[in-house]
Amino acid sequence: MERKTLIWLLCTAALRLGMLGTARITSVDGFMVAVLLEFFVVCPLWSLATGIFAGWDGRLRWWLAAANSLLFLLSSWIFLEMGQLDFLYFTLVYLAIGLLSTWITAMARRKYAKR
């Protein structure tokens, strides 16, 4: 595994586990704000960024989008509620965002590399 990919994976794990973990030690209102911010802003944008990063070398990094989604599911089950099936829907949406942006980036790189 190359160094950039390992660093990206570690940043993903730190973001996923760290954001909900630190939200647990705040007040109730702060916790809700942090959870809503992560679910509707941070996670979709990070999934998009992960997909774009993975698309630069799609054959070797395609799994980063899946790892991103699985780390989200793991962190939400650890810090919010274990086994809650609603988090699977968010996981599937983040996986779709990541894989779609990976594919679009790979296609764009292939198209512009031929020129």
PDB file of N, CA and C in Angstrom:
ATOM      1  N   MET A   1       0.855  -1.162   0.000  1.00  0.00           N
ATOM      2  CA  MET A   1       0.000   0.000   0.000  1.00  0.00           C
ATOM      3  C   MET A   1       0.908   1.235   0.000  1.00  0.00           C
ATOM      4  N   GLU A   2       0.587   2.157  -0.860  1.00  0.00           N
ATOM      5  CA  GLU A   2       1.436   3.340  -0.932  1.00  0.00           C
ATOM      6  C   GLU A   2       1.150   4.301   0.218  1.00  0.00           C
ATOM      7  N   ARG A   3       2.090   5.177   0.439  1.00  0.00           N
ATOM      8  CA  ARG A   3       2.052   6.060   1.606  1.00  0.00           C
ATOM      9  C   ARG A   3       0.845   7.005   1.590  1.00  0.00           C
ATOM     10  N   LYS A   4       0.512   7.578   0.424  1.00  0.00           N
ATOM     11  CA  LYS A   4      -0.623   8.505   0.334  1.00  0.00           C
ATOM     12  C   LYS A   4      -1.932   7.805   0.699  1.00  0.00           C
ATOM     13  N   THR A   5      -2.087   6.577   0.242  1.00  0.00           N
ATOM     14  CA  THR A   5      -3.300   5.828   0.527  1.00  0.00           C
ATOM     15  C   THR A   5      -3.412   5.511   2.009  1.00  0.00           C
ATOM     16  N   LEU A   6      -2.309   5.128   2.626  1.00  0.00           N
ATOM     17  CA  LEU A   6      -2.308   4.835   4.058  1.00  0.00           C
ATOM     18  C   LEU A   6      -2.631   6.082   4.874  1.00  0.00           C
ATOM     19  N   ILE A   7      -2.062   7.208   4.497  1.00  0.00           N
ATOM     20  CA  ILE A   7      -2.355   8.463   5.195  1.00  0.00           C
ATOM     21  C   ILE A   7      -3.825   8.829   5.043  1.00  0.00           C
ATOM     22  N   TRP A   8      -4.378   8.660   3.845  1.00  0.00           N
ATOM     23  CA  TRP A   8      -5.793   8.968   3.622  1.00  0.00           C
ATOM     24  C   TRP A   8      -6.677   8.065   4.467  1.00  0.00           C
ATOM     25  N   LEU A   9      -6.333   6.782   4.552  1.00  0.00           N
ATOM     26  CA  LEU A   9      -7.119   5.847   5.348  1.00  0.00           C
ATOM     27  C   LEU A   9      -7.046   6.200   6.835  1.00  0.00           C
ATOM     28  N   LEU A  10      -5.886   6.577   7.314  1.00  0.00           N
ATOM     29  CA  LEU A  10      -5.749   6.984   8.716  1.00  0.00           C
ATOM     30  C   LEU A  10      -6.528   8.266   9.010  1.00  0.00           C
ATOM     31  N   CYS A  11      -6.518   9.209   8.085  1.00  0.00           N
ATOM     32  CA  CYS A  11      -7.309  10.438   8.255  1.00  0.00           C
ATOM     33  C   CYS A  11      -8.801  10.130   8.264  1.00  0.00           C
ATOM     34  N   THR A  12      -9.225   9.202   7.426  1.00  0.00           N
ATOM     35  CA  THR A  12     -10.626   8.793   7.402  1.00  0.00           C
ATOM     36  C   THR A  12     -11.025   8.168   8.731  1.00  0.00           C
ATOM     37  N   ALA A  13     -10.195   7.279   9.239  1.00  0.00           N
ATOM     38  CA  ALA A  13     -10.493   6.634  10.522  1.00  0.00           C
ATOM     39  C   ALA A  13     -10.520   7.654  11.649  1.00  0.00           C
ATOM     40  N   ALA A  14      -9.579   8.583  11.632  1.00  0.00           N
ATOM     41  CA  ALA A  14      -9.547   9.613  12.680  1.00  0.00           C
ATOM     42  C   ALA A  14     -10.780  10.505  12.602  1.00  0.00           C
ATOM     43  N   LEU A  15     -11.195  10.858  11.400  1.00  0.00           N
ATOM     44  CA  LEU A  15     -12.376  11.704  11.243  1.00  0.00           C
ATOM     45  C   LEU A  15     -13.635  10.976  11.684  1.00  0.00           C
ATOM     46  N   ARG A  16     -13.805   9.756  11.213  1.00  0.00           N
ATOM     47  CA  ARG A  16     -15.014   8.999  11.544  1.00  0.00           C
ATOM     48  C   ARG A  16     -15.111   8.706  13.039  1.00  0.00           C
ATOM     49  N   LEU A  17     -14.061   8.144  13.596  1.00  0.00           N
ATOM     50  CA  LEU A  17     -14.105   7.762  15.010  1.00  0.00           C
ATOM     51  C   LEU A  17     -13.952   8.967  15.929  1.00  0.00           C
ATOM     52  N   GLY A  18     -13.181   9.941  15.492  1.00  0.00           N
ATOM     53  CA  GLY A  18     -12.920  11.092  16.345  1.00  0.00           C
ATOM     54  C   GLY A  18     -14.085  12.042  16.471  1.00  0.00           C
ATOM     55  N   MET A  19     -14.799  12.270  15.390  1.00  0.00           N
ATOM     56  CA  MET A  19     -15.873  13.261  15.440  1.00  0.00           C
ATOM     57  C   MET A  19     -17.020  12.801  16.343  1.00  0.00           C
ATOM     58  N   LEU A  20     -17.466  11.569  16.176  1.00  0.00           N
ATOM     59  CA  LEU A  20     -18.539  11.088  17.041  1.00  0.00           C
ATOM     60  C   LEU A  20     -18.043  10.824  18.450  1.00  0.00           C
ATOM     61  N   GLY A  21     -16.776  10.429  18.578  1.00  0.00           N
ATOM     62  CA  GLY A  21     -16.211  10.199  19.905  1.00  0.00           C
ATOM     63  C   GLY A  21     -16.123  11.470  20.725  1.00  0.00           C
ATOM     64  N   THR A  22     -15.694  12.547  20.096  1.00  0.00           N
ATOM     65  CA  THR A  22     -15.626  13.821  20.824  1.00  0.00           C
ATOM     66  C   THR A  22     -17.014  14.413  21.037  1.00  0.00           C
ATOM     67  N   ALA A  23     -17.939  14.093  20.154  1.00  0.00           N
ATOM     68  CA  ALA A  23     -19.304  14.591  20.332  1.00  0.00           C
ATOM     69  C   ALA A  23     -19.960  13.971  21.564  1.00  0.00           C
ATOM     70  N   ARG A  24     -19.541  12.752  21.921  1.00  0.00           N
ATOM     71  CA  ARG A  24     -20.116  12.078  23.080  1.00  0.00           C
ATOM     72  C   ARG A  24     -19.813  12.794  24.395  1.00  0.00           C
ATOM     73  N   ILE A  25     -18.713  13.551  24.444  1.00  0.00           N
ATOM     74  CA  ILE A  25     -18.337  14.186  25.709  1.00  0.00           C
ATOM     75  C   ILE A  25     -18.874  15.614  25.824  1.00  0.00           C
ATOM     76  N   THR A  26     -19.630  16.059  24.829  1.00  0.00           N
ATOM     77  CA  THR A  26     -20.218  17.401  24.884  1.00  0.00           C
ATOM     78  C   THR A  26     -21.602  17.337  25.520  1.00  0.00           C
ATOM     79  N   SER A  27     -22.245  18.488  25.604  1.00  0.00           N
ATOM     80  CA  SER A  27     -23.607  18.527  26.147  1.00  0.00           C
ATOM     81  C   SER A  27     -24.579  17.912  25.148  1.00  0.00           C
ATOM     82  N   VAL A  28     -25.810  17.780  25.553  1.00  0.00           N
ATOM     83  CA  VAL A  28     -26.825  17.159  24.703  1.00  0.00           C
ATOM     84  C   VAL A  28     -27.038  17.968  23.426  1.00  0.00           C
ATOM     85  N   ASP A  29     -27.129  19.285  23.542  1.00  0.00           N
ATOM     86  CA  ASP A  29     -27.329  20.126  22.362  1.00  0.00           C
ATOM     87  C   ASP A  29     -26.111  20.084  21.442  1.00  0.00           C
ATOM     88  N   GLY A  30     -24.938  20.146  22.026  1.00  0.00           N
ATOM     89  CA  GLY A  30     -23.720  20.067  21.234  1.00  0.00           C
ATOM     90  C   GLY A  30     -23.579  18.725  20.537  1.00  0.00           C
ATOM     91  N   PHE A  31     -24.022  17.674  21.201  1.00  0.00           N
ATOM     92  CA  PHE A  31     -23.977  16.341  20.610  1.00  0.00           C
ATOM     93  C   PHE A  31     -24.879  16.260  19.384  1.00  0.00           C
ATOM     94  N   MET A  32     -26.087  16.777  19.499  1.00  0.00           N
ATOM     95  CA  MET A  32     -27.011  16.737  18.361  1.00  0.00           C
ATOM     96  C   MET A  32     -26.500  17.558  17.188  1.00  0.00           C
ATOM     97  N   VAL A  33     -25.923  18.711  17.482  1.00  0.00           N
ATOM     98  CA  VAL A  33     -25.364  19.539  16.417  1.00  0.00           C
ATOM     99  C   VAL A  33     -24.213  18.809  15.729  1.00  0.00           C
ATOM    100  N   ALA A  34     -23.342  18.187  16.503  1.00  0.00           N
ATOM    101  CA  ALA A  34     -22.203  17.470  15.925  1.00  0.00           C
ATOM    102  C   ALA A  34     -22.657  16.282  15.094  1.00  0.00           C
ATOM    103  N   VAL A  35     -23.656  15.557  15.562  1.00  0.00           N
ATOM    104  CA  VAL A  35     -24.155  14.397  14.814  1.00  0.00           C
ATOM    105  C   VAL A  35     -24.815  14.840  13.514  1.00  0.00           C
ATOM    106  N   LEU A  36     -25.652  15.857  13.573  1.00  0.00           N
ATOM    107  CA  LEU A  36     -26.300  16.348  12.356  1.00  0.00           C
ATOM    108  C   LEU A  36     -25.283  16.923  11.379  1.00  0.00           C
ATOM    109  N   LEU A  37     -24.297  17.620  11.894  1.00  0.00           N
ATOM    110  CA  LEU A  37     -23.240  18.167  11.049  1.00  0.00           C
ATOM    111  C   LEU A  37     -22.465  17.046  10.367  1.00  0.00           C
ATOM    112  N   GLU A  38     -22.164  15.997  11.113  1.00  0.00           N
ATOM    113  CA  GLU A  38     -21.426  14.891  10.498  1.00  0.00           C
ATOM    114  C   GLU A  38     -22.279  14.152   9.468  1.00  0.00           C
ATOM    115  N   PHE A  39     -23.524  13.865   9.792  1.00  0.00           N
ATOM    116  CA  PHE A  39     -24.361  13.073   8.889  1.00  0.00           C
ATOM    117  C   PHE A  39     -24.705  13.809   7.591  1.00  0.00           C
ATOM    118  N   PHE A  40     -24.916  15.113   7.665  1.00  0.00           N
ATOM    119  CA  PHE A  40     -25.416  15.814   6.496  1.00  0.00           C
ATOM    120  C   PHE A  40     -24.417  16.737   5.808  1.00  0.00           C
ATOM    121  N   VAL A  41     -23.262  16.975   6.424  1.00  0.00           N
ATOM    122  CA  VAL A  41     -22.269  17.852   5.799  1.00  0.00           C
ATOM    123  C   VAL A  41     -20.922  17.142   5.652  1.00  0.00           C
ATOM    124  N   VAL A  42     -20.361  16.722   6.763  1.00  0.00           N
ATOM    125  CA  VAL A  42     -19.000  16.178   6.748  1.00  0.00           C
ATOM    126  C   VAL A  42     -18.923  14.855   5.997  1.00  0.00           C
ATOM    127  N   CYS A  43     -19.802  13.930   6.299  1.00  0.00           N
ATOM    128  CA  CYS A  43     -19.741  12.609   5.657  1.00  0.00           C
ATOM    129  C   CYS A  43     -19.957  12.651   4.145  1.00  0.00           C
ATOM    130  N   PRO A  44     -20.971  13.368   3.642  1.00  0.00           N
ATOM    131  CA  PRO A  44     -21.095  13.419   2.186  1.00  0.00           C
ATOM    132  C   PRO A  44     -19.903  14.091   1.506  1.00  0.00           C
ATOM    133  N   LEU A  45     -19.390  15.168   2.097  1.00  0.00           N
ATOM    134  CA  LEU A  45     -18.240  15.836   1.488  1.00  0.00           C
ATOM    135  C   LEU A  45     -16.983  14.975   1.566  1.00  0.00           C
ATOM    136  N   TRP A  46     -16.780  14.292   2.671  1.00  0.00           N
ATOM    137  CA  TRP A  46     -15.604  13.422   2.791  1.00  0.00           C
ATOM    138  C   TRP A  46     -15.733  12.215   1.857  1.00  0.00           C
ATOM    139  N   SER A  47     -16.951  11.694   1.667  1.00  0.00           N
ATOM    140  CA  SER A  47     -17.156  10.599   0.711  1.00  0.00           C
ATOM    141  C   SER A  47     -16.850  11.057  -0.705  1.00  0.00           C
ATOM    142  N   LEU A  48     -17.253  12.270  -1.033  1.00  0.00           N
ATOM    143  CA  LEU A  48     -16.942  12.829  -2.343  1.00  0.00           C
ATOM    144  C   LEU A  48     -15.438  13.018  -2.515  1.00  0.00           C
ATOM    145  N   ALA A  49     -14.785  13.563  -1.496  1.00  0.00           N
ATOM    146  CA  ALA A  49     -13.334  13.764  -1.561  1.00  0.00           C
ATOM    147  C   ALA A  49     -12.593  12.434  -1.637  1.00  0.00           C
ATOM    148  N   THR A  50     -13.062  11.440  -0.906  1.00  0.00           N
ATOM    149  CA  THR A  50     -12.445  10.118  -0.961  1.00  0.00           C
ATOM    150  C   THR A  50     -12.607   9.502  -2.349  1.00  0.00           C
ATOM    151  N   GLY A  51     -13.769   9.674  -2.941  1.00  0.00           N
ATOM    152  CA  GLY A  51     -13.991   9.162  -4.289  1.00  0.00           C
ATOM    153  C   GLY A  51     -13.101   9.837  -5.313  1.00  0.00           C
ATOM    154  N   ILE A  52     -12.927  11.136  -5.182  1.00  0.00           N
ATOM    155  CA  ILE A  52     -12.053  11.859  -6.113  1.00  0.00           C
ATOM    156  C   ILE A  52     -10.607  11.408  -5.921  1.00  0.00           C
ATOM    157  N   PHE A  53     -10.177  11.263  -4.667  1.00  0.00           N
ATOM    158  CA  PHE A  53      -8.819  10.791  -4.393  1.00  0.00           C
ATOM    159  C   PHE A  53      -8.619   9.373  -4.923  1.00  0.00           C
ATOM    160  N   ALA A  54      -9.599   8.515  -4.726  1.00  0.00           N
ATOM    161  CA  ALA A  54      -9.488   7.133  -5.194  1.00  0.00           C
ATOM    162  C   ALA A  54      -9.526   7.061  -6.716  1.00  0.00           C
ATOM    163  N   GLY A  55     -10.238   7.975  -7.353  1.00  0.00           N
ATOM    164  CA  GLY A  55     -10.341   7.960  -8.810  1.00  0.00           C
ATOM    165  C   GLY A  55      -9.047   8.293  -9.526  1.00  0.00           C
ATOM    166  N   TRP A  56      -8.099   8.928  -8.842  1.00  0.00           N
ATOM    167  CA  TRP A  56      -6.811   9.235  -9.458  1.00  0.00           C
ATOM    168  C   TRP A  56      -6.038   7.969  -9.772  1.00  0.00           C
ATOM    169  N   ASP A  57      -6.277   6.921  -9.011  1.00  0.00           N
ATOM    170  CA  ASP A  57      -5.676   5.627  -9.274  1.00  0.00           C
ATOM    171  C   ASP A  57      -6.717   4.572  -8.924  1.00  0.00           C
ATOM    172  N   GLY A  58      -7.738   4.501  -9.748  1.00  0.00           N
ATOM    173  CA  GLY A  58      -8.919   3.706  -9.451  1.00  0.00           C
ATOM    174  C   GLY A  58      -8.673   2.226  -9.260  1.00  0.00           C
ATOM    175  N   ARG A  59      -7.713   1.671  -9.966  1.00  0.00           N
ATOM    176  CA  ARG A  59      -7.477   0.232  -9.840  1.00  0.00           C
ATOM    177  C   ARG A  59      -6.872  -0.146  -8.499  1.00  0.00           C
ATOM    178  N   LEU A  60      -6.124   0.752  -7.895  1.00  0.00           N
ATOM    179  CA  LEU A  60      -5.485   0.440  -6.615  1.00  0.00           C
ATOM    180  C   LEU A  60      -6.221   1.016  -5.408  1.00  0.00           C
ATOM    181  N   ARG A  61      -7.056   2.038  -5.625  1.00  0.00           N
ATOM    182  CA  ARG A  61      -7.684   2.727  -4.492  1.00  0.00           C
ATOM    183  C   ARG A  61      -9.205   2.625  -4.449  1.00  0.00           C
ATOM    184  N   TRP A  62      -9.814   1.811  -5.261  1.00  0.00           N
ATOM    185  CA  TRP A  62     -11.269   1.749  -5.313  1.00  0.00           C
ATOM    186  C   TRP A  62     -11.865   1.375  -3.961  1.00  0.00           C
ATOM    187  N   TRP A  63     -11.143   0.629  -3.170  1.00  0.00           N
ATOM    188  CA  TRP A  63     -11.639   0.136  -1.897  1.00  0.00           C
ATOM    189  C   TRP A  63     -11.737   1.236  -0.837  1.00  0.00           C
ATOM    190  N   LEU A  64     -11.129   2.399  -1.082  1.00  0.00           N
ATOM    191  CA  LEU A  64     -11.201   3.481  -0.096  1.00  0.00           C
ATOM    192  C   LEU A  64     -12.633   3.969   0.129  1.00  0.00           C
ATOM    193  N   ALA A  65     -13.443   3.972  -0.922  1.00  0.00           N
ATOM    194  CA  ALA A  65     -14.841   4.397  -0.763  1.00  0.00           C
ATOM    195  C   ALA A  65     -15.606   3.418   0.121  1.00  0.00           C
ATOM    196  N   ALA A  66     -15.341   2.134  -0.040  1.00  0.00           N
ATOM    197  CA  ALA A  66     -15.992   1.134   0.807  1.00  0.00           C
ATOM    198  C   ALA A  66     -15.482   1.219   2.238  1.00  0.00           C
ATOM    199  N   ALA A  67     -14.179   1.440   2.406  1.00  0.00           N
ATOM    200  CA  ALA A  67     -13.613   1.565   3.752  1.00  0.00           C
ATOM    201  C   ALA A  67     -14.179   2.791   4.462  1.00  0.00           C
ATOM    202  N   ASN A  68     -14.360   3.872   3.715  1.00  0.00           N
ATOM    203  CA  ASN A  68     -14.945   5.089   4.279  1.00  0.00           C
ATOM    204  C   ASN A  68     -16.353   4.803   4.805  1.00  0.00           C
ATOM    205  N   SER A  69     -17.155   4.133   4.018  1.00  0.00           N
ATOM    206  CA  SER A  69     -18.527   3.836   4.430  1.00  0.00           C
ATOM    207  C   SER A  69     -18.562   2.862   5.601  1.00  0.00           C
ATOM    208  N   LEU A  70     -17.704   1.864   5.588  1.00  0.00           N
ATOM    209  CA  LEU A  70     -17.679   0.905   6.688  1.00  0.00           C
ATOM    210  C   LEU A  70     -17.186   1.537   7.990  1.00  0.00           C
ATOM    211  N   LEU A  71     -16.233   2.452   7.885  1.00  0.00           N
ATOM    212  CA  LEU A  71     -15.782   3.159   9.086  1.00  0.00           C
ATOM    213  C   LEU A  71     -16.889   4.047   9.648  1.00  0.00           C
ATOM    214  N   PHE A  72     -17.701   4.638   8.762  1.00  0.00           N
ATOM    215  CA  PHE A  72     -18.852   5.409   9.241  1.00  0.00           C
ATOM    216  C   PHE A  72     -19.817   4.504   9.993  1.00  0.00           C
ATOM    217  N   LEU A  73     -20.130   3.348   9.411  1.00  0.00           N
ATOM    218  CA  LEU A  73     -21.063   2.423  10.052  1.00  0.00           C
ATOM    219  C   LEU A  73     -20.514   1.950  11.398  1.00  0.00           C
ATOM    220  N   LEU A  74     -19.251   1.622  11.432  1.00  0.00           N
ATOM    221  CA  LEU A  74     -18.620   1.180  12.671  1.00  0.00           C
ATOM    222  C   LEU A  74     -18.672   2.268  13.738  1.00  0.00           C
ATOM    223  N   SER A  75     -18.324   3.491  13.369  1.00  0.00           N
ATOM    224  CA  SER A  75     -18.313   4.570  14.364  1.00  0.00           C
ATOM    225  C   SER A  75     -19.721   4.916  14.841  1.00  0.00           C
ATOM    226  N   SER A  76     -20.690   4.884  13.951  1.00  0.00           N
ATOM    227  CA  SER A  76     -22.050   5.204  14.392  1.00  0.00           C
ATOM    228  C   SER A  76     -22.616   4.094  15.263  1.00  0.00           C
ATOM    229  N   TRP A  77     -22.261   2.840  15.006  1.00  0.00           N
ATOM    230  CA  TRP A  77     -22.714   1.759  15.870  1.00  0.00           C
ATOM    231  C   TRP A  77     -22.001   1.795  17.220  1.00  0.00           C
ATOM    232  N   ILE A  78     -20.741   2.210  17.242  1.00  0.00           N
ATOM    233  CA  ILE A  78     -20.009   2.270  18.511  1.00  0.00           C
ATOM    234  C   ILE A  78     -20.513   3.421  19.376  1.00  0.00           C
ATOM    235  N   PHE A  79     -20.630   4.607  18.799  1.00  0.00           N
ATOM    236  CA  PHE A  79     -20.905   5.795  19.600  1.00  0.00           C
ATOM    237  C   PHE A  79     -22.381   6.174  19.695  1.00  0.00           C
ATOM    238  N   LEU A  80     -23.227   5.678  18.804  1.00  0.00           N
ATOM    239  CA  LEU A  80     -24.639   6.066  18.862  1.00  0.00           C
ATOM    240  C   LEU A  80     -25.511   4.916  19.352  1.00  0.00           C
ATOM    241  N   GLU A  81     -25.756   3.932  18.507  1.00  0.00           N
ATOM    242  CA  GLU A  81     -26.568   2.800  18.949  1.00  0.00           C
ATOM    243  C   GLU A  81     -26.189   1.579  18.131  1.00  0.00           C
ATOM    244  N   MET A  82     -25.768   0.549  18.813  1.00  0.00           N
ATOM    245  CA  MET A  82     -25.294  -0.663  18.158  1.00  0.00           C
ATOM    246  C   MET A  82     -26.445  -1.376  17.436  1.00  0.00           C
ATOM    247  N   GLY A  83     -26.211  -1.748  16.190  1.00  0.00           N
ATOM    248  CA  GLY A  83     -27.168  -2.530  15.432  1.00  0.00           C
ATOM    249  C   GLY A  83     -28.333  -1.752  14.850  1.00  0.00           C
ATOM    250  N   GLN A  84     -28.340  -0.449  14.959  1.00  0.00           N
ATOM    251  CA  GLN A  84     -29.432   0.361  14.409  1.00  0.00           C
ATOM    252  C   GLN A  84     -29.370   0.296  12.884  1.00  0.00           C
ATOM    253  N   LEU A  85     -30.439  -0.174  12.267  1.00  0.00           N
ATOM    254  CA  LEU A  85     -30.444  -0.387  10.823  1.00  0.00           C
ATOM    255  C   LEU A  85     -30.550   0.903  10.022  1.00  0.00           C
ATOM    256  N   ASP A  86     -30.987   1.987  10.639  1.00  0.00           N
ATOM    257  CA  ASP A  86     -31.077   3.261   9.923  1.00  0.00           C
ATOM    258  C   ASP A  86     -29.717   3.739   9.448  1.00  0.00           C
ATOM    259  N   PHE A  87     -28.669   3.380  10.175  1.00  0.00           N
ATOM    260  CA  PHE A  87     -27.322   3.789   9.772  1.00  0.00           C
ATOM    261  C   PHE A  87     -26.871   3.084   8.495  1.00  0.00           C
ATOM    262  N   LEU A  88     -27.491   1.938   8.195  1.00  0.00           N
ATOM    263  CA  LEU A  88     -27.157   1.248   6.941  1.00  0.00           C
ATOM    264  C   LEU A  88     -27.575   2.067   5.725  1.00  0.00           C
ATOM    265  N   TYR A  89     -28.673   2.795   5.829  1.00  0.00           N
ATOM    266  CA  TYR A  89     -29.111   3.639   4.722  1.00  0.00           C
ATOM    267  C   TYR A  89     -28.110   4.760   4.460  1.00  0.00           C
ATOM    268  N   PHE A  90     -27.649   5.391   5.534  1.00  0.00           N
ATOM    269  CA  PHE A  90     -26.624   6.418   5.381  1.00  0.00           C
ATOM    270  C   PHE A  90     -25.348   5.813   4.781  1.00  0.00           C
ATOM    271  N   THR A  91     -24.991   4.621   5.245  1.00  0.00           N
ATOM    272  CA  THR A  91     -23.793   3.949   4.744  1.00  0.00           C
ATOM    273  C   THR A  91     -23.904   3.680   3.252  1.00  0.00           C
ATOM    274  N   LEU A  92     -25.055   3.229   2.810  1.00  0.00           N
ATOM    275  CA  LEU A  92     -25.246   2.961   1.380  1.00  0.00           C
ATOM    276  C   LEU A  92     -25.193   4.240   0.549  1.00  0.00           C
ATOM    277  N   VAL A  93     -25.738   5.319   1.074  1.00  0.00           N
ATOM    278  CA  VAL A  93     -25.683   6.596   0.360  1.00  0.00           C
ATOM    279  C   VAL A  93     -24.247   7.087   0.260  1.00  0.00           C
ATOM    280  N   TYR A  94     -23.491   6.999   1.364  1.00  0.00           N
ATOM    281  CA  TYR A  94     -22.092   7.430   1.334  1.00  0.00           C
ATOM    282  C   TYR A  94     -21.262   6.536   0.434  1.00  0.00           C
ATOM    283  N   LEU A  95     -21.582   5.248   0.385  1.00  0.00           N
ATOM    284  CA  LEU A  95     -20.886   4.334  -0.523  1.00  0.00           C
ATOM    285  C   LEU A  95     -21.185   4.693  -1.974  1.00  0.00           C
ATOM    286  N   ALA A  96     -22.441   5.011  -2.266  1.00  0.00           N
ATOM    287  CA  ALA A  96     -22.804   5.403  -3.627  1.00  0.00           C
ATOM    288  C   ALA A  96     -22.108   6.697  -4.035  1.00  0.00           C
ATOM    289  N   ILE A  97     -22.050   7.669  -3.137  1.00  0.00           N
ATOM    290  CA  ILE A  97     -21.357   8.930  -3.435  1.00  0.00           C
ATOM    291  C   ILE A  97     -19.885   8.662  -3.713  1.00  0.00           C
ATOM    292  N   GLY A  98     -19.254   7.857  -2.872  1.00  0.00           N
ATOM    293  CA  GLY A  98     -17.834   7.561  -3.036  1.00  0.00           C
ATOM    294  C   GLY A  98     -17.526   6.801  -4.311  1.00  0.00           C
ATOM    295  N   LEU A  99     -18.295   5.753  -4.595  1.00  0.00           N
ATOM    296  CA  LEU A  99     -18.026   4.961  -5.797  1.00  0.00           C
ATOM    297  C   LEU A  99     -18.350   5.722  -7.075  1.00  0.00           C
ATOM    298  N   LEU A 100     -19.423   6.511  -7.040  1.00  0.00           N
ATOM    299  CA  LEU A 100     -19.773   7.299  -8.221  1.00  0.00           C
ATOM    300  C   LEU A 100     -18.718   8.365  -8.507  1.00  0.00           C
ATOM    301  N   SER A 101     -18.240   9.021  -7.482  1.00  0.00           N
ATOM    302  CA  SER A 101     -17.197  10.031  -7.704  1.00  0.00           C
ATOM    303  C   SER A 101     -15.874   9.382  -8.101  1.00  0.00           C
ATOM    304  N   THR A 102     -15.596   8.172  -7.619  1.00  0.00           N
ATOM    305  CA  THR A 102     -14.415   7.435  -8.073  1.00  0.00           C
ATOM    306  C   THR A 102     -14.515   7.140  -9.561  1.00  0.00           C
ATOM    307  N   TRP A 103     -15.662   6.658  -9.976  1.00  0.00           N
ATOM    308  CA  TRP A 103     -15.854   6.312 -11.384  1.00  0.00           C
ATOM    309  C   TRP A 103     -15.781   7.550 -12.276  1.00  0.00           C
ATOM    310  N   ILE A 104     -16.417   8.639 -11.875  1.00  0.00           N
ATOM    311  CA  ILE A 104     -16.402   9.865 -12.676  1.00  0.00           C
ATOM    312  C   ILE A 104     -14.985  10.417 -12.790  1.00  0.00           C
ATOM    313  N   THR A 105     -14.244  10.412 -11.690  1.00  0.00           N
ATOM    314  CA  THR A 105     -12.865  10.903 -11.723  1.00  0.00           C
ATOM    315  C   THR A 105     -11.990  10.038 -12.611  1.00  0.00           C
ATOM    316  N   ALA A 106     -12.159   8.720 -12.518  1.00  0.00           N
ATOM    317  CA  ALA A 106     -11.368   7.812 -13.360  1.00  0.00           C
ATOM    318  C   ALA A 106     -11.693   8.008 -14.840  1.00  0.00           C
ATOM    319  N   MET A 107     -12.973   8.194 -15.158  1.00  0.00           N
ATOM    320  CA  MET A 107     -13.355   8.419 -16.556  1.00  0.00           C
ATOM    321  C   MET A 107     -12.827   9.758 -17.067  1.00  0.00           C
ATOM    322  N   ALA A 108     -12.888  10.776 -16.235  1.00  0.00           N
ATOM    323  CA  ALA A 108     -12.375  12.091 -16.639  1.00  0.00           C
ATOM    324  C   ALA A 108     -10.865  12.045 -16.846  1.00  0.00           C
ATOM    325  N   ARG A 109     -10.164  11.354 -15.988  1.00  0.00           N
ATOM    326  CA  ARG A 109      -8.701  11.232 -16.155  1.00  0.00           C
ATOM    327  C   ARG A 109      -8.360  10.478 -17.427  1.00  0.00           C
ATOM    328  N   ARG A 110      -9.129   9.432 -17.706  1.00  0.00           N
ATOM    329  CA  ARG A 110      -8.882   8.651 -18.913  1.00  0.00           C
ATOM    330  C   ARG A 110      -9.165   9.478 -20.169  1.00  0.00           C
ATOM    331  N   LYS A 111     -10.239  10.266 -20.134  1.00  0.00           N
ATOM    332  CA  LYS A 111     -10.604  11.076 -21.288  1.00  0.00           C
ATOM    333  C   LYS A 111      -9.555  12.161 -21.555  1.00  0.00           C
ATOM    334  N   TYR A 112      -9.122  12.836 -20.487  1.00  0.00           N
ATOM    335  CA  TYR A 112      -8.178  13.930 -20.682  1.00  0.00           C
ATOM    336  C   TYR A 112      -6.741  13.442 -20.839  1.00  0.00           C
ATOM    337  N   ALA A 113      -6.462  12.209 -20.502  1.00  0.00           N
ATOM    338  CA  ALA A 113      -5.109  11.657 -20.712  1.00  0.00           C
ATOM    339  C   ALA A 113      -4.881  11.339 -22.182  1.00  0.00           C
ATOM    340  N   LYS A 114      -5.944  11.069 -22.927  1.00  0.00           N
ATOM    341  CA  LYS A 114      -5.817  10.758 -24.351  1.00  0.00           C
ATOM    342  C   LYS A 114      -5.523  12.001 -25.185  1.00  0.00           C
ATOM    343  N   ARG A 115      -5.788  13.169 -24.661  1.00  0.00           N
ATOM    344  CA  ARG A 115      -5.585  14.401 -25.433  1.00  0.00           C
ATOM    345  C   ARG A 115      -4.159  14.789 -25.477  1.00  0.00           C
TER     346      ARG A 115
END
